[in-house]
Amino acid sequence: MALARILVIEDDDDVARLEKTVLERAGYEVKVTPSGAEGLELADSYKPDVVILDVGLPDISGLDVCTSLSNSNQAFVLMVSGHSREQDVLLGLGLGADDYITKPFSGNELVARVASFLRRRDKHAQRKEAPSLMTVGTAQLNRDFHTIAYDERTVTLTALEFRLLWFLAESEGRLLTRAQILEHVWNDTSGVPTRVVDVHVAALRKKLTEVEAPVEIASVRGIGYRLDGK
């Protein structure tokens, strides 16, 4: 079985060395670059399973790199930053990152986050035999292309946005708690703030509006969300 590929985009030599060492010891194949621009090129050519992305890069903001990755690459993105304020965490997650880790962190924690991503990937692969299309209301979700289409309008979702929408659609009309959503969509809820669900629901609502989809994500204060087809 091929080793999982990890791309580290980090300009701090000491941090990059730690990340590379612990990940290779855990059995992963690792490439490192200090440049956001080179990182985006490597993401296209190397096809990593996971990208570990520093927010503070010398050439391009890590947040901009994250946006590009979420729009063009299927890799999981783990953002790394020295900032631990909740608004900084939510900003990174709202741009398409799958998780967020703050410095300083241990090698064991890093490996655990990566392993969680790969478990999620493997679970998704096991569901490949599941239907690739789902109709909700009169809009259609396409699992293969991560799109929602309605009345000749189509919008592409990030991988995480699509997993969230598909899960809500599978339970159409039923209230789901934030804890249920985190457990199913994020797979490993340790360290993931529940408000991340709110951030991604807000992003989904904007994209549903773009295609004027006859679908509504209703919120129940203090509990969670319910998807209703119209």
C-alpha atoms as a PDB file:
ATOM      1  CA  MET A   1       0.000   0.000   0.000  1.00  0.00           C
ATOM      2  CA  ALA A   2       1.351   3.428  -0.959  1.00  0.00           C
ATOM      3  CA  LEU A   3       2.355   5.730   1.867  1.00  0.00           C
ATOM      4  CA  ALA A   4       0.066   8.662   2.562  1.00  0.00           C
ATOM      5  CA  ARG A   5       1.565  11.885   1.194  1.00  0.00           C
ATOM      6  CA  ILE A   6       1.933  14.933   3.412  1.00  0.00           C
ATOM      7  CA  LEU A   7       2.870  18.386   2.121  1.00  0.00           C
ATOM      8  CA  VAL A   8       4.264  20.793   4.734  1.00  0.00           C
ATOM      9  CA  ILE A   9       4.195  24.505   3.832  1.00  0.00           C
ATOM     10  CA  GLU A  10       6.174  26.124   6.655  1.00  0.00           C
ATOM     11  CA  ASP A  11       8.891  28.812   6.602  1.00  0.00           C
ATOM     12  CA  ASP A  12      10.134  28.247  10.163  1.00  0.00           C
ATOM     13  CA  ASP A  13      12.991  25.755   9.760  1.00  0.00           C
ATOM     14  CA  ASP A  14      12.701  24.362  13.290  1.00  0.00           C
ATOM     15  CA  VAL A  15       8.951  23.780  13.032  1.00  0.00           C
ATOM     16  CA  ALA A  16       9.276  22.289   9.538  1.00  0.00           C
ATOM     17  CA  ARG A  17      12.030  19.948  10.728  1.00  0.00           C
ATOM     18  CA  LEU A  18       9.872  18.785  13.661  1.00  0.00           C
ATOM     19  CA  GLU A  19       6.875  18.187  11.423  1.00  0.00           C
ATOM     20  CA  LYS A  20       8.872  16.273   8.823  1.00  0.00           C
ATOM     21  CA  THR A  21      10.642  14.122  11.426  1.00  0.00           C
ATOM     22  CA  VAL A  22       7.564  13.048  13.401  1.00  0.00           C
ATOM     23  CA  LEU A  23       5.467  12.440  10.296  1.00  0.00           C
ATOM     24  CA  GLU A  24       8.133  10.309   8.620  1.00  0.00           C
ATOM     25  CA  ARG A  25       8.538   8.324  11.846  1.00  0.00           C
ATOM     26  CA  ALA A  26       4.792   7.734  11.754  1.00  0.00           C
ATOM     27  CA  GLY A  27       5.182   6.178   8.311  1.00  0.00           C
ATOM     28  CA  TYR A  28       4.183   9.019   5.991  1.00  0.00           C
ATOM     29  CA  GLU A  29       5.904  10.394   2.912  1.00  0.00           C
ATOM     30  CA  VAL A  30       6.664  14.090   3.450  1.00  0.00           C
ATOM     31  CA  LYS A  31       7.669  17.038   1.267  1.00  0.00           C
ATOM     32  CA  VAL A  32       8.468  20.463   2.720  1.00  0.00           C
ATOM     33  CA  THR A  33       8.521  23.952   1.229  1.00  0.00           C
ATOM     34  CA  PRO A  34       8.819  27.382   2.906  1.00  0.00           C
ATOM     35  CA  SER A  35       6.961  29.104   0.051  1.00  0.00           C
ATOM     36  CA  GLY A  36       3.232  29.510  -0.457  1.00  0.00           C
ATOM     37  CA  ALA A  37       3.646  29.786  -4.232  1.00  0.00           C
ATOM     38  CA  GLU A  38       5.760  26.636  -4.422  1.00  0.00           C
ATOM     39  CA  GLY A  39       3.340  24.936  -2.063  1.00  0.00           C
ATOM     40  CA  LEU A  40       0.473  25.520  -4.479  1.00  0.00           C
ATOM     41  CA  GLU A  41       2.571  24.119  -7.344  1.00  0.00           C
ATOM     42  CA  LEU A  42       3.506  21.052  -5.296  1.00  0.00           C
ATOM     43  CA  ALA A  43      -0.121  20.526  -4.321  1.00  0.00           C
ATOM     44  CA  ASP A  44      -0.919  20.173  -8.036  1.00  0.00           C
ATOM     45  CA  SER A  45       2.013  17.897  -8.901  1.00  0.00           C
ATOM     46  CA  TYR A  46       2.580  15.912  -5.685  1.00  0.00           C
ATOM     47  CA  LYS A  47      -1.127  15.250  -4.995  1.00  0.00           C
ATOM     48  CA  PRO A  48      -0.816  15.161  -1.206  1.00  0.00           C
ATOM     49  CA  ASP A  49      -3.406  13.563   1.029  1.00  0.00           C
ATOM     50  CA  VAL A  50      -2.874  16.212   3.710  1.00  0.00           C
ATOM     51  CA  VAL A  51      -1.429  19.739   3.574  1.00  0.00           C
ATOM     52  CA  ILE A  52      -0.012  21.220   6.782  1.00  0.00           C
ATOM     53  CA  LEU A  53      -0.135  24.951   6.157  1.00  0.00           C
ATOM     54  CA  ASP A  54       1.432  27.757   8.173  1.00  0.00           C
ATOM     55  CA  VAL A  55      -0.619  30.958   8.257  1.00  0.00           C
ATOM     56  CA  GLY A  56       2.376  33.321   8.266  1.00  0.00           C
ATOM     57  CA  LEU A  57       4.295  32.692   5.048  1.00  0.00           C
ATOM     58  CA  PRO A  58       6.835  35.126   3.554  1.00  0.00           C
ATOM     59  CA  ASP A  59       5.397  35.386   0.043  1.00  0.00           C
ATOM     60  CA  ILE A  60       1.654  34.655   0.161  1.00  0.00           C
ATOM     61  CA  SER A  61      -0.706  34.724   3.119  1.00  0.00           C
ATOM     62  CA  GLY A  62      -1.448  31.224   4.340  1.00  0.00           C
ATOM     63  CA  LEU A  63      -5.127  32.192   4.342  1.00  0.00           C
ATOM     64  CA  ASP A  64      -4.939  32.902   0.593  1.00  0.00           C
ATOM     65  CA  VAL A  65      -3.131  29.609   0.050  1.00  0.00           C
ATOM     66  CA  CYS A  66      -5.880  27.860   2.005  1.00  0.00           C
ATOM     67  CA  THR A  67      -8.557  29.409  -0.203  1.00  0.00           C
ATOM     68  CA  SER A  68      -6.751  28.269  -3.362  1.00  0.00           C
ATOM     69  CA  LEU A  69      -6.298  24.749  -2.003  1.00  0.00           C
ATOM     70  CA  SER A  70      -9.947  24.407  -0.987  1.00  0.00           C
ATOM     71  CA  ASN A  71     -11.057  25.500  -4.463  1.00  0.00           C
ATOM     72  CA  SER A  72      -8.711  23.309  -6.492  1.00  0.00           C
ATOM     73  CA  ASN A  73      -7.460  20.385  -4.408  1.00  0.00           C
ATOM     74  CA  GLN A  74      -9.008  17.468  -2.555  1.00  0.00           C
ATOM     75  CA  ALA A  75      -6.320  17.324   0.155  1.00  0.00           C
ATOM     76  CA  PHE A  76      -7.226  17.862   3.782  1.00  0.00           C
ATOM     77  CA  VAL A  77      -5.797  21.143   5.109  1.00  0.00           C
ATOM     78  CA  LEU A  78      -4.450  21.526   8.641  1.00  0.00           C
ATOM     79  CA  MET A  79      -3.654  25.167   9.358  1.00  0.00           C
ATOM     80  CA  VAL A  80      -0.832  26.029  11.770  1.00  0.00           C
ATOM     81  CA  SER A  81      -0.562  29.372  13.548  1.00  0.00           C
ATOM     82  CA  GLY A  82       0.743  31.069  16.649  1.00  0.00           C
ATOM     83  CA  HIS A  83      -2.691  32.666  17.153  1.00  0.00           C
ATOM     84  CA  SER A  84      -5.193  30.864  19.346  1.00  0.00           C
ATOM     85  CA  ARG A  85      -8.004  33.447  19.406  1.00  0.00           C
ATOM     86  CA  GLU A  86     -11.330  31.880  18.457  1.00  0.00           C
ATOM     87  CA  GLN A  87     -11.941  34.385  15.647  1.00  0.00           C
ATOM     88  CA  ASP A  88      -8.615  33.446  14.041  1.00  0.00           C
ATOM     89  CA  VAL A  89      -9.463  29.756  14.271  1.00  0.00           C
ATOM     90  CA  LEU A  90     -12.920  30.288  12.793  1.00  0.00           C
ATOM     91  CA  LEU A  91     -11.524  32.446   9.987  1.00  0.00           C
ATOM     92  CA  GLY A  92      -9.170  29.681   8.878  1.00  0.00           C
ATOM     93  CA  LEU A  93     -11.886  27.054   9.087  1.00  0.00           C
ATOM     94  CA  GLY A  94     -14.290  29.294   7.213  1.00  0.00           C
ATOM     95  CA  LEU A  95     -11.828  29.541   4.306  1.00  0.00           C
ATOM     96  CA  GLY A  96     -11.852  25.776   3.855  1.00  0.00           C
ATOM     97  CA  ALA A  97      -9.334  24.391   6.347  1.00  0.00           C
ATOM     98  CA  ASP A  98     -10.363  21.069   7.844  1.00  0.00           C
ATOM     99  CA  ASP A  99      -8.693  21.656  11.195  1.00  0.00           C
ATOM    100  CA  TYR A 100      -6.482  24.153  13.012  1.00  0.00           C
ATOM    101  CA  ILE A 101      -3.553  23.676  15.375  1.00  0.00           C
ATOM    102  CA  THR A 102      -1.727  26.389  17.334  1.00  0.00           C
ATOM    103  CA  LYS A 103       1.958  26.641  18.200  1.00  0.00           C
ATOM    104  CA  PRO A 104       3.529  25.217  20.236  1.00  0.00           C
ATOM    105  CA  PHE A 105       2.186  21.718  19.645  1.00  0.00           C
ATOM    106  CA  SER A 106       3.558  18.254  20.265  1.00  0.00           C
ATOM    107  CA  GLY A 107       4.582  15.805  17.598  1.00  0.00           C
ATOM    108  CA  ASN A 108       2.022  13.335  18.939  1.00  0.00           C
ATOM    109  CA  GLU A 109      -0.785  15.852  18.529  1.00  0.00           C
ATOM    110  CA  LEU A 110       0.245  16.570  14.937  1.00  0.00           C
ATOM    111  CA  VAL A 111       0.354  12.886  14.042  1.00  0.00           C
ATOM    112  CA  ALA A 112      -3.056  12.349  15.686  1.00  0.00           C
ATOM    113  CA  ARG A 113      -4.628  15.142  13.603  1.00  0.00           C
ATOM    114  CA  VAL A 114      -3.176  13.713  10.380  1.00  0.00           C
ATOM    115  CA  ALA A 115      -4.302  10.198  11.279  1.00  0.00           C
ATOM    116  CA  SER A 116      -7.811  11.529  11.866  1.00  0.00           C
ATOM    117  CA  PHE A 117      -7.896  13.002   8.350  1.00  0.00           C
ATOM    118  CA  LEU A 118      -6.774   9.726   6.827  1.00  0.00           C
ATOM    119  CA  ARG A 119      -9.396   7.742   8.744  1.00  0.00           C
ATOM    120  CA  ARG A 120     -12.000  10.125   7.356  1.00  0.00           C
ATOM    121  CA  ARG A 121     -10.608   9.627   3.834  1.00  0.00           C
ATOM    122  CA  ASP A 122     -10.750   5.842   4.221  1.00  0.00           C
ATOM    123  CA  LYS A 123     -14.350   5.973   5.453  1.00  0.00           C
ATOM    124  CA  HIS A 124     -15.237   8.059   2.412  1.00  0.00           C
ATOM    125  CA  ALA A 125     -13.539   5.506   0.134  1.00  0.00           C
ATOM    126  CA  GLN A 126     -15.607   2.744   1.741  1.00  0.00           C
ATOM    127  CA  ARG A 127     -18.748   4.654   0.766  1.00  0.00           C
ATOM    128  CA  LYS A 128     -17.787   4.822  -2.921  1.00  0.00           C
ATOM    129  CA  GLU A 129     -20.476   2.277  -3.745  1.00  0.00           C
ATOM    130  CA  ALA A 130     -23.097   4.625  -2.349  1.00  0.00           C
ATOM    131  CA  PRO A 131     -25.166   6.635  -4.853  1.00  0.00           C
ATOM    132  CA  SER A 132     -23.282   9.613  -6.293  1.00  0.00           C
ATOM    133  CA  LEU A 133     -26.455  11.681  -6.806  1.00  0.00           C
ATOM    134  CA  MET A 134     -29.082  12.849  -4.353  1.00  0.00           C
ATOM    135  CA  THR A 135     -32.131  15.021  -4.880  1.00  0.00           C
ATOM    136  CA  VAL A 136     -33.139  17.384  -2.117  1.00  0.00           C
ATOM    137  CA  GLY A 137     -36.178  19.518  -2.768  1.00  0.00           C
ATOM    138  CA  THR A 138     -35.779  19.832  -6.534  1.00  0.00           C
ATOM    139  CA  ALA A 139     -32.027  20.487  -6.418  1.00  0.00           C
ATOM    140  CA  GLN A 140     -29.469  17.787  -7.161  1.00  0.00           C
ATOM    141  CA  LEU A 141     -26.266  16.998  -5.265  1.00  0.00           C
ATOM    142  CA  ASN A 142     -23.433  15.329  -7.160  1.00  0.00           C
ATOM    143  CA  ARG A 143     -20.942  13.516  -4.918  1.00  0.00           C
ATOM    144  CA  ASP A 144     -18.405  12.992  -7.731  1.00  0.00           C
ATOM    145  CA  PHE A 145     -18.072  16.703  -8.507  1.00  0.00           C
ATOM    146  CA  HIS A 146     -19.043  18.232  -5.136  1.00  0.00           C
ATOM    147  CA  THR A 147     -21.756  20.340  -6.768  1.00  0.00           C
ATOM    148  CA  ILE A 148     -25.342  21.351  -6.156  1.00  0.00           C
ATOM    149  CA  ALA A 149     -27.413  22.178  -9.218  1.00  0.00           C
ATOM    150  CA  TYR A 150     -30.824  23.714  -9.720  1.00  0.00           C
ATOM    151  CA  ASP A 151     -32.563  25.064 -12.829  1.00  0.00           C
ATOM    152  CA  GLU A 152     -29.381  25.063 -14.992  1.00  0.00           C
ATOM    153  CA  ARG A 153     -27.362  26.798 -12.273  1.00  0.00           C
ATOM    154  CA  THR A 154     -24.501  24.931 -10.573  1.00  0.00           C
ATOM    155  CA  VAL A 155     -22.157  25.814  -7.740  1.00  0.00           C
ATOM    156  CA  THR A 156     -19.108  23.856  -6.586  1.00  0.00           C
ATOM    157  CA  LEU A 157     -18.592  23.265  -2.860  1.00  0.00           C
ATOM    158  CA  THR A 158     -15.417  22.533  -0.945  1.00  0.00           C
ATOM    159  CA  ALA A 159     -14.998  18.907   0.112  1.00  0.00           C
ATOM    160  CA  LEU A 160     -15.949  19.735   3.694  1.00  0.00           C
ATOM    161  CA  GLU A 161     -18.944  21.855   2.682  1.00  0.00           C
ATOM    162  CA  PHE A 162     -20.192  19.034   0.494  1.00  0.00           C
ATOM    163  CA  ARG A 163     -19.832  16.396   3.219  1.00  0.00           C
ATOM    164  CA  LEU A 164     -21.818  18.662   5.536  1.00  0.00           C
ATOM    165  CA  LEU A 165     -24.573  19.312   2.989  1.00  0.00           C
ATOM    166  CA  TRP A 166     -24.821  15.633   2.044  1.00  0.00           C
ATOM    167  CA  PHE A 167     -25.167  14.648   5.702  1.00  0.00           C
ATOM    168  CA  LEU A 168     -27.888  17.240   6.265  1.00  0.00           C
ATOM    169  CA  ALA A 169     -29.647  16.106   3.088  1.00  0.00           C
ATOM    170  CA  GLU A 170     -29.552  12.447   4.162  1.00  0.00           C
ATOM    171  CA  SER A 171     -31.515  13.525   7.238  1.00  0.00           C
ATOM    172  CA  GLU A 172     -33.816  15.962   5.427  1.00  0.00           C
ATOM    173  CA  GLY A 173     -36.458  17.345   7.755  1.00  0.00           C
ATOM    174  CA  ARG A 174     -34.746  16.004  10.895  1.00  0.00           C
ATOM    175  CA  LEU A 175     -33.001  18.185  13.462  1.00  0.00           C
ATOM    176  CA  LEU A 176     -29.315  17.349  13.898  1.00  0.00           C
ATOM    177  CA  THR A 177     -27.321  18.574  16.868  1.00  0.00           C
ATOM    178  CA  ARG A 178     -23.937  20.217  16.419  1.00  0.00           C
ATOM    179  CA  ALA A 179     -22.401  17.237  18.202  1.00  0.00           C
ATOM    180  CA  GLN A 180     -23.954  14.817  15.707  1.00  0.00           C
ATOM    181  CA  ILE A 181     -22.729  16.921  12.803  1.00  0.00           C
ATOM    182  CA  LEU A 182     -19.199  17.162  14.196  1.00  0.00           C
ATOM    183  CA  GLU A 183     -19.040  13.428  14.843  1.00  0.00           C
ATOM    184  CA  HIS A 184     -20.198  12.490  11.350  1.00  0.00           C
ATOM    185  CA  VAL A 185     -18.634  15.202   9.170  1.00  0.00           C
ATOM    186  CA  TRP A 186     -15.411  15.895  11.079  1.00  0.00           C
ATOM    187  CA  ASN A 187     -15.105  12.317  12.371  1.00  0.00           C
ATOM    188  CA  ASP A 188     -12.851  13.285  15.290  1.00  0.00           C
ATOM    189  CA  THR A 189     -14.276  16.075  17.417  1.00  0.00           C
ATOM    190  CA  SER A 190     -11.364  16.465  19.832  1.00  0.00           C
ATOM    191  CA  GLY A 191     -10.230  20.066  19.785  1.00  0.00           C
ATOM    192  CA  VAL A 192     -12.759  21.152  17.127  1.00  0.00           C
ATOM    193  CA  PRO A 193     -14.930  24.055  18.402  1.00  0.00           C
ATOM    194  CA  THR A 194     -18.657  23.528  17.899  1.00  0.00           C
ATOM    195  CA  ARG A 195     -18.908  26.977  16.316  1.00  0.00           C
ATOM    196  CA  VAL A 196     -17.053  25.628  13.280  1.00  0.00           C
ATOM    197  CA  VAL A 197     -20.393  24.058  12.287  1.00  0.00           C
ATOM    198  CA  ASP A 198     -21.972  27.523  12.284  1.00  0.00           C
ATOM    199  CA  VAL A 199     -19.190  28.880  10.051  1.00  0.00           C
ATOM    200  CA  HIS A 200     -19.662  26.159   7.444  1.00  0.00           C
ATOM    201  CA  VAL A 201     -23.452  26.361   7.552  1.00  0.00           C
ATOM    202  CA  ALA A 202     -23.164  30.105   6.846  1.00  0.00           C
ATOM    203  CA  ALA A 203     -20.898  29.355   3.850  1.00  0.00           C
ATOM    204  CA  LEU A 204     -23.348  26.732   2.586  1.00  0.00           C
ATOM    205  CA  ARG A 205     -26.286  29.121   2.841  1.00  0.00           C
ATOM    206  CA  LYS A 206     -24.437  31.643   0.654  1.00  0.00           C
ATOM    207  CA  LYS A 207     -23.753  29.038  -2.021  1.00  0.00           C
ATOM    208  CA  LEU A 208     -27.312  27.736  -1.938  1.00  0.00           C
ATOM    209  CA  THR A 209     -28.445  31.313  -2.526  1.00  0.00           C
ATOM    210  CA  GLU A 210     -26.121  31.569  -5.551  1.00  0.00           C
ATOM    211  CA  VAL A 211     -28.065  28.851  -7.366  1.00  0.00           C
ATOM    212  CA  GLU A 212     -31.391  29.868  -5.799  1.00  0.00           C
ATOM    213  CA  ALA A 213     -31.738  26.280  -4.631  1.00  0.00           C
ATOM    214  CA  PRO A 214     -35.146  25.401  -3.149  1.00  0.00           C
ATOM    215  CA  VAL A 215     -33.408  24.250   0.026  1.00  0.00           C
ATOM    216  CA  GLU A 216     -33.284  25.861   3.452  1.00  0.00           C
ATOM    217  CA  ILE A 217     -30.940  25.119   6.339  1.00  0.00           C
ATOM    218  CA  ALA A 218     -32.989  26.028   9.376  1.00  0.00           C
ATOM    219  CA  SER A 219     -31.338  26.664  12.722  1.00  0.00           C
ATOM    220  CA  VAL A 220     -32.669  25.795  16.148  1.00  0.00           C
ATOM    221  CA  ARG A 221     -30.972  28.034  18.664  1.00  0.00           C
ATOM    222  CA  GLY A 222     -28.677  26.222  21.051  1.00  0.00           C
ATOM    223  CA  ILE A 223     -29.258  22.836  19.417  1.00  0.00           C
ATOM    224  CA  GLY A 224     -28.323  22.521  15.753  1.00  0.00           C
ATOM    225  CA  TYR A 225     -29.635  22.505  12.191  1.00  0.00           C
ATOM    226  CA  ARG A 226     -32.269  20.949   9.959  1.00  0.00           C
ATOM    227  CA  LEU A 227     -32.307  20.885   6.149  1.00  0.00           C
ATOM    228  CA  ASP A 228     -35.694  21.400   4.509  1.00  0.00           C
ATOM    229  CA  GLY A 229     -36.413  20.955   0.825  1.00  0.00           C
ATOM    230  CA  LYS A 230     -39.025  23.222  -0.689  1.00  0.00           C
END
